[in-house]
Amino acid sequence: MPANNNNTSSSRNRVLVKEAKGALENMKMEAAQSLGVTIPQDGYYGNVTSRDAGSLGGYITKNLVRIAEQQLSGSR
């Protein structure tokens, strides 16, 4: 297993397309509202439970897959 170094964490969870950042933030807020999860205003997620964080990630991933499938099939 590779050694754990601090440089890898800075390259993870980056938005590669800067124009998508706003859309992803909107999707996160929509997911949080739908699931009843409170998003911390200060950006610190240390007080968010693993279950809530996982629910948010799963919801967002499911929606991103749905959007990609629609785009690949040519329908909207």
C-alpha atoms as a PDB file:
ATOM      1  CA  MET A   1       0.000   0.000   0.000  1.00  0.00           C
ATOM      2  CA  PRO A   2       1.441   3.433  -0.867  1.00  0.00           C
ATOM      3  CA  ALA A   3       2.647   5.654   1.903  1.00  0.00           C
ATOM      4  CA  ASN A   4       0.147   8.227   3.078  1.00  0.00           C
ATOM      5  CA  ASN A   5       1.500  11.706   2.400  1.00  0.00           C
ATOM      6  CA  ASN A   6      -0.085  15.094   2.814  1.00  0.00           C
ATOM      7  CA  ASN A   7       0.241  16.020  -0.861  1.00  0.00           C
ATOM      8  CA  THR A   8      -2.453  13.563  -1.949  1.00  0.00           C
ATOM      9  CA  SER A   9      -5.163  15.203   0.130  1.00  0.00           C
ATOM     10  CA  SER A  10      -4.702  18.529  -1.639  1.00  0.00           C
ATOM     11  CA  SER A  11      -5.356  16.951  -5.044  1.00  0.00           C
ATOM     12  CA  ARG A  12      -8.580  15.206  -3.991  1.00  0.00           C
ATOM     13  CA  ASN A  13     -12.089  16.595  -4.195  1.00  0.00           C
ATOM     14  CA  ARG A  14     -11.122  19.375  -6.569  1.00  0.00           C
ATOM     15  CA  VAL A  15     -13.550  20.800  -9.075  1.00  0.00           C
ATOM     16  CA  LEU A  16     -11.809  20.301 -12.407  1.00  0.00           C
ATOM     17  CA  VAL A  17     -14.213  22.501 -14.361  1.00  0.00           C
ATOM     18  CA  LYS A  18     -14.417  25.833 -12.545  1.00  0.00           C
ATOM     19  CA  GLU A  19     -17.754  26.676 -14.154  1.00  0.00           C
ATOM     20  CA  ALA A  20     -19.250  23.579 -12.484  1.00  0.00           C
ATOM     21  CA  LYS A  21     -18.475  24.723  -8.934  1.00  0.00           C
ATOM     22  CA  GLY A  22     -21.653  26.769  -8.582  1.00  0.00           C
ATOM     23  CA  ALA A  23     -23.815  23.968  -9.947  1.00  0.00           C
ATOM     24  CA  LEU A  24     -22.240  21.495  -7.532  1.00  0.00           C
ATOM     25  CA  GLU A  25     -22.821  23.855  -4.608  1.00  0.00           C
ATOM     26  CA  ASN A  26     -26.469  24.231  -5.647  1.00  0.00           C
ATOM     27  CA  MET A  27     -26.781  20.456  -5.893  1.00  0.00           C
ATOM     28  CA  LYS A  28     -25.249  20.077  -2.416  1.00  0.00           C
ATOM     29  CA  MET A  29     -27.698  22.581  -0.929  1.00  0.00           C
ATOM     30  CA  GLU A  30     -30.633  20.897  -2.678  1.00  0.00           C
ATOM     31  CA  ALA A  31     -29.512  17.502  -1.398  1.00  0.00           C
ATOM     32  CA  ALA A  32     -29.094  18.797   2.137  1.00  0.00           C
ATOM     33  CA  GLN A  33     -32.539  20.358   2.098  1.00  0.00           C
ATOM     34  CA  SER A  34     -34.129  17.174   0.724  1.00  0.00           C
ATOM     35  CA  LEU A  35     -32.405  15.014   3.329  1.00  0.00           C
ATOM     36  CA  GLY A  36     -32.840  17.418   6.258  1.00  0.00           C
ATOM     37  CA  VAL A  37     -29.075  17.797   6.748  1.00  0.00           C
ATOM     38  CA  THR A  38     -27.706  21.121   7.980  1.00  0.00           C
ATOM     39  CA  ILE A  39     -24.730  22.374   5.948  1.00  0.00           C
ATOM     40  CA  PRO A  40     -22.228  24.207   8.183  1.00  0.00           C
ATOM     41  CA  GLN A  41     -21.924  27.847   7.157  1.00  0.00           C
ATOM     42  CA  ASP A  42     -18.265  27.986   8.167  1.00  0.00           C
ATOM     43  CA  GLY A  43     -17.337  25.073   5.882  1.00  0.00           C
ATOM     44  CA  TYR A  44     -16.191  22.869   8.772  1.00  0.00           C
ATOM     45  CA  TYR A  45     -17.793  19.442   8.418  1.00  0.00           C
ATOM     46  CA  GLY A  46     -16.294  17.980  11.610  1.00  0.00           C
ATOM     47  CA  ASN A  47     -19.638  18.176  13.367  1.00  0.00           C
ATOM     48  CA  VAL A  48     -21.580  16.499  10.540  1.00  0.00           C
ATOM     49  CA  THR A  49     -22.202  12.822  11.201  1.00  0.00           C
ATOM     50  CA  SER A  50     -20.692  10.241   8.873  1.00  0.00           C
ATOM     51  CA  ARG A  51     -24.191   9.050   8.065  1.00  0.00           C
ATOM     52  CA  ASP A  52     -25.313  12.537   6.999  1.00  0.00           C
ATOM     53  CA  ALA A  53     -22.158  13.178   4.984  1.00  0.00           C
ATOM     54  CA  GLY A  54     -22.545   9.813   3.267  1.00  0.00           C
ATOM     55  CA  SER A  55     -26.194  10.507   2.513  1.00  0.00           C
ATOM     56  CA  LEU A  56     -25.263  13.823   0.904  1.00  0.00           C
ATOM     57  CA  GLY A  57     -22.527  12.219  -1.177  1.00  0.00           C
ATOM     58  CA  GLY A  58     -24.782   9.374  -2.283  1.00  0.00           C
ATOM     59  CA  TYR A  59     -27.610  11.724  -3.224  1.00  0.00           C
ATOM     60  CA  ILE A  60     -25.290  13.959  -5.242  1.00  0.00           C
ATOM     61  CA  THR A  61     -23.630  10.984  -6.958  1.00  0.00           C
ATOM     62  CA  LYS A  62     -26.999   9.473  -7.863  1.00  0.00           C
ATOM     63  CA  ASN A  63     -28.082  12.777  -9.425  1.00  0.00           C
ATOM     64  CA  LEU A  64     -24.808  13.198 -11.322  1.00  0.00           C
ATOM     65  CA  VAL A  65     -25.146   9.669 -12.750  1.00  0.00           C
ATOM     66  CA  ARG A  66     -28.763  10.388 -13.741  1.00  0.00           C
ATOM     67  CA  ILE A  67     -27.709  13.607 -15.500  1.00  0.00           C
ATOM     68  CA  ALA A  68     -24.877  11.833 -17.331  1.00  0.00           C
ATOM     69  CA  GLU A  69     -27.189   9.017 -18.440  1.00  0.00           C
ATOM     70  CA  GLN A  70     -29.680  11.564 -19.788  1.00  0.00           C
ATOM     71  CA  GLN A  71     -26.949  13.375 -21.702  1.00  0.00           C
ATOM     72  CA  LEU A  72     -25.589  10.135 -23.145  1.00  0.00           C
ATOM     73  CA  SER A  73     -29.038   8.999 -24.256  1.00  0.00           C
ATOM     74  CA  GLY A  74     -29.680  12.384 -25.880  1.00  0.00           C
ATOM     75  CA  SER A  75     -32.740  13.212 -23.773  1.00  0.00           C
ATOM     76  CA  ARG A  76     -33.165  15.907 -21.160  1.00  0.00           C
END
